[in-house]
Protein backbone atom coordinates (compact mmCIF):
# COMPACT_ATOMS: atom_id res chain seq x y z
CA MET A 1 -24.68 -10.70 9.95
CA ARG A 2 -26.35 -8.64 8.27
CA LYS A 3 -26.98 -7.81 4.92
CA PRO A 4 -25.32 -4.99 3.41
CA THR A 5 -26.71 -1.20 2.55
CA LYS A 6 -26.71 -1.00 -1.35
CA ARG A 7 -24.29 2.05 -1.25
CA GLU A 8 -22.04 -0.98 0.55
CA ALA A 9 -22.69 -3.33 -1.60
CA ILE A 10 -22.16 -0.80 -4.87
CA ILE A 11 -18.57 1.03 -2.50
CA GLY A 12 -18.07 -3.29 -2.05
CA GLY A 13 -18.24 -4.34 -5.78
CA ILE A 14 -16.36 -1.45 -7.27
CA SER A 15 -13.07 -2.49 -4.96
CA VAL A 16 -13.55 -5.80 -5.41
CA ALA A 17 -13.81 -5.97 -9.16
CA VAL A 18 -10.87 -2.95 -8.97
CA THR A 19 -8.46 -5.01 -7.18
CA VAL A 20 -8.99 -8.37 -8.80
CA ALA A 21 -9.02 -6.03 -12.46
CA LEU A 22 -5.49 -4.98 -11.28
CA SER A 23 -4.24 -8.65 -9.90
CA VAL A 24 -5.44 -10.10 -13.28
CA PHE A 25 -3.01 -7.28 -15.26
CA VAL A 26 -0.39 -7.44 -13.44
CA LEU A 27 -0.42 -11.63 -14.01
CA GLN A 28 -1.56 -11.73 -17.67
CA HIS A 29 1.03 -8.58 -18.50
CA LYS A 30 4.28 -8.36 -16.18
CA SER A 31 6.37 -7.56 -19.24
CA TYR A 32 4.86 -4.23 -19.21
CA ILE A 33 5.16 -3.94 -15.10
CA GLU A 34 8.92 -4.13 -15.85
CA GLU A 35 8.44 -1.17 -18.54
CA ILE A 36 6.52 0.58 -16.13
CA ALA A 37 9.44 0.67 -14.38
CA HIS A 38 11.79 2.27 -16.87
CA TRP A 39 9.36 5.00 -16.92
CA GLY A 40 11.01 6.54 -13.65
CA TYR A 41 8.86 8.86 -11.00
CA VAL A 42 5.73 7.94 -13.22
CA GLY A 43 6.91 4.50 -13.69
CA CYS A 44 7.37 4.76 -8.90
CA PHE A 45 3.96 5.86 -8.39
CA PHE A 46 2.19 3.73 -10.76
CA ILE A 47 4.44 0.32 -10.09
CA ASN A 48 3.32 1.50 -5.99
CA VAL A 49 -0.46 2.06 -6.59
CA ILE A 50 -0.35 -1.68 -8.29
CA THR A 51 1.38 -3.44 -5.55
CA ASN A 52 -0.14 -1.97 -2.80
CA GLY A 53 -3.76 -1.78 -4.27
CA THR A 54 -3.52 -5.62 -4.60
CA LEU A 55 -1.84 -9.16 -3.16
CA ILE A 56 0.11 -9.78 -6.38
CA LEU A 57 3.67 -9.13 -6.32
CA PRO A 58 3.74 -7.03 -3.13
CA GLY A 59 7.88 -7.17 -2.41
CA VAL A 60 8.01 -5.20 -6.33
CA GLY A 61 7.38 -1.63 -4.57
CA PRO A 62 9.58 -1.36 -2.31
CA VAL A 63 12.46 -2.88 -4.91
CA LEU A 64 11.95 -0.44 -6.96
CA THR A 65 11.51 2.28 -4.47
CA PHE A 66 15.04 1.00 -2.97
CA THR A 67 16.34 0.48 -7.10
CA LEU A 68 15.09 3.81 -8.01
CA GLY A 69 16.51 5.57 -5.00
CA GLY A 70 20.23 4.51 -5.67
CA VAL A 71 19.57 6.03 -9.38
CA LEU A 72 16.94 9.09 -8.95
CA ASN A 73 16.92 11.78 -6.49
CA PRO A 74 15.55 9.43 -3.70
CA ALA A 75 13.84 12.59 -1.79
CA ILE A 76 11.08 12.41 -4.48
CA VAL A 77 11.23 9.11 -5.50
CA GLY A 78 10.52 8.36 -1.43
CA VAL A 79 7.65 10.72 -1.42
CA ILE A 80 5.74 9.63 -4.66
CA ALA A 81 6.07 5.92 -3.59
CA GLY A 82 4.43 6.71 -0.41
CA ILE A 83 1.00 8.24 -2.11
CA GLY A 84 0.82 5.51 -4.67
CA GLU A 85 1.51 3.43 -1.81
CA ALA A 86 -1.74 5.06 -0.22
CA VAL A 87 -3.61 5.55 -3.40
CA GLY A 88 -3.24 1.47 -3.65
CA ALA A 89 -4.44 1.05 0.37
CA ILE A 90 -7.49 2.97 -1.02
CA GLY A 91 -8.98 -0.52 -2.35
CA ALA A 92 -8.11 -2.55 0.48
CA TYR A 93 -10.51 -0.13 3.03
CA PHE A 94 -13.31 0.00 0.69
CA THR A 95 -13.20 -3.84 0.39
CA GLY A 96 -13.67 -3.86 4.36
CA TYR A 97 -16.19 -1.23 4.43
CA ALA A 98 -18.30 -2.70 2.17
CA GLY A 99 -18.30 -6.19 3.21
CA ARG A 100 -17.94 -5.27 7.23
CA GLY A 101 -22.31 -7.08 7.40
CA LEU A 102 -20.43 -10.14 5.60
CA PHE A 103 -16.88 -10.61 7.03
CA ARG A 104 -17.14 -9.44 10.71
CA ASP A 105 -16.79 -11.61 13.55
CA THR A 106 -17.01 -9.48 16.79
CA ASN A 107 -16.74 -12.30 19.24
CA SER A 108 -13.16 -13.43 17.18
CA GLY A 109 -10.10 -13.12 19.83
CA LEU A 110 -8.23 -11.38 17.14
CA TYR A 111 -11.17 -9.27 16.00
CA LEU A 112 -10.83 -7.81 19.61
CA ARG A 113 -7.31 -7.11 19.53
CA LEU A 114 -6.99 -5.62 16.91
CA SER A 115 -10.31 -3.20 17.42
CA ASN A 116 -9.06 -2.51 21.02
CA ILE A 117 -6.03 -1.64 19.30
CA VAL A 118 -7.22 1.07 17.07
CA ASP A 119 -9.54 2.51 19.62
CA ARG A 120 -7.04 2.53 22.28
CA TYR A 121 -4.17 4.10 19.34
CA GLY A 122 -5.77 5.11 16.29
CA SER A 123 -3.97 6.99 13.75
CA LYS A 124 -0.85 5.98 15.72
CA SER A 125 -1.22 2.04 14.83
CA ILE A 126 -2.30 2.86 11.38
CA PHE A 127 0.89 5.07 11.08
CA PHE A 128 3.17 2.10 12.62
CA VAL A 129 2.01 -0.66 10.74
CA SER A 130 1.80 0.73 7.66
CA ALA A 131 6.10 2.58 8.22
CA VAL A 132 6.91 -0.73 8.64
CA LEU A 133 8.09 -3.39 5.88
CA PHE A 134 4.48 -4.95 7.16
CA PRO A 135 3.27 -7.90 4.71
CA LEU A 136 -0.21 -7.83 5.84
CA PHE A 137 -0.94 -4.04 5.32
CA TYR A 138 -3.56 -5.22 2.96
CA PRO A 139 -5.81 -7.34 5.98
CA PHE A 140 -4.65 -4.25 8.19
CA ALA A 141 -6.55 -2.02 5.74
CA VAL A 142 -9.97 -4.69 4.84
CA PHE A 143 -10.13 -4.55 8.56
CA LEU A 144 -9.97 -0.46 9.38
CA GLY A 145 -12.97 -0.67 6.30
CA MET A 146 -14.51 -2.91 8.75
CA LEU A 147 -14.37 -0.73 11.63
CA ARG A 148 -15.41 1.56 9.83
CA PHE A 149 -12.07 4.03 11.04
CA GLY A 150 -12.46 7.29 9.22
CA PHE A 151 -11.28 7.15 5.97
CA VAL A 152 -9.19 10.70 5.38
CA SER A 153 -7.40 9.66 9.40
CA PHE A 154 -6.97 5.86 7.22
CA PHE A 155 -5.82 7.93 4.38
CA LEU A 156 -3.66 10.44 6.14
CA ALA A 157 -2.22 7.78 8.58
CA THR A 158 -1.12 5.25 5.57
CA TRP A 159 0.26 8.20 3.37
CA ALA A 160 2.94 9.42 6.52
CA GLY A 161 3.95 5.81 7.42
CA ARG A 162 4.05 4.83 3.71
CA THR A 163 6.12 8.00 2.83
CA ALA A 164 8.31 7.63 5.68
CA LYS A 165 9.42 3.96 4.75
CA SER A 166 9.26 4.86 0.90
CA MET A 167 11.85 7.61 1.81
CA ALA A 168 14.44 4.79 4.24
CA LEU A 169 14.07 2.60 1.55
CA ALA A 170 14.90 5.26 -1.64
CA TYR A 171 17.98 7.02 1.13
CA LEU A 172 19.21 3.12 1.80
CA GLY A 173 18.98 3.06 -2.31
CA TYR A 174 20.79 5.96 -2.74
CA PHE A 175 23.49 5.57 -0.31
CA GLY A 176 23.83 1.99 -0.49
CA LEU A 177 22.62 1.46 -4.45
CA GLY A 178 24.43 4.56 -5.31
CA SER A 179 27.64 3.98 -3.68
CA ILE A 180 28.69 0.90 -5.58
CA LEU A 181 27.50 2.15 -8.87
CA ARG A 182 29.48 5.65 -8.34
CA TRP A 183 32.35 3.24 -6.94
CA LEU A 184 31.89 1.08 -10.83
CA GLY A 185 32.13 4.22 -12.39
CA VAL A 186 27.95 3.24 -14.08
CA GLY A 187 26.87 7.18 -15.24
CA ILE A 188 24.58 8.50 -12.09
């Protein structure tokens, strides 16, 4: 195990501090999260950044995207949620980037399988994992940082996958929830 460089330690420290701070904020101020959800598109962005930047409340972002897709423009909701989720995943990536020397066990079977998949399929694997409602994306993003997968490629593939997933959720909300609300005569 090698000692992380000063740059890696600083990046990792900042990334872990932001993740912990967001987690503590979410746990202590759940009522604010509910209030942010009422902000519409802006709330959608912030909720998705927070829920993808922490391991706390991972299911809130998709539920909010589905719900807002039923009451707002689903295309805009999907795009904004996808951007928010990709921005939130940056913290996980940099946590792995900085912790490479501390956590990497290159003899681990899981490490070897995942690194072979990423080596073989590259950005396509990131797109697939991020496009599926996959609760383990945070550890996968940490792993990609450990592998030193290119940041721009990571962000673009994550953004594309998360946007595709969010668009699907928003349109499901539009056609599902929106139809129910219109049938009940609730003002949309």
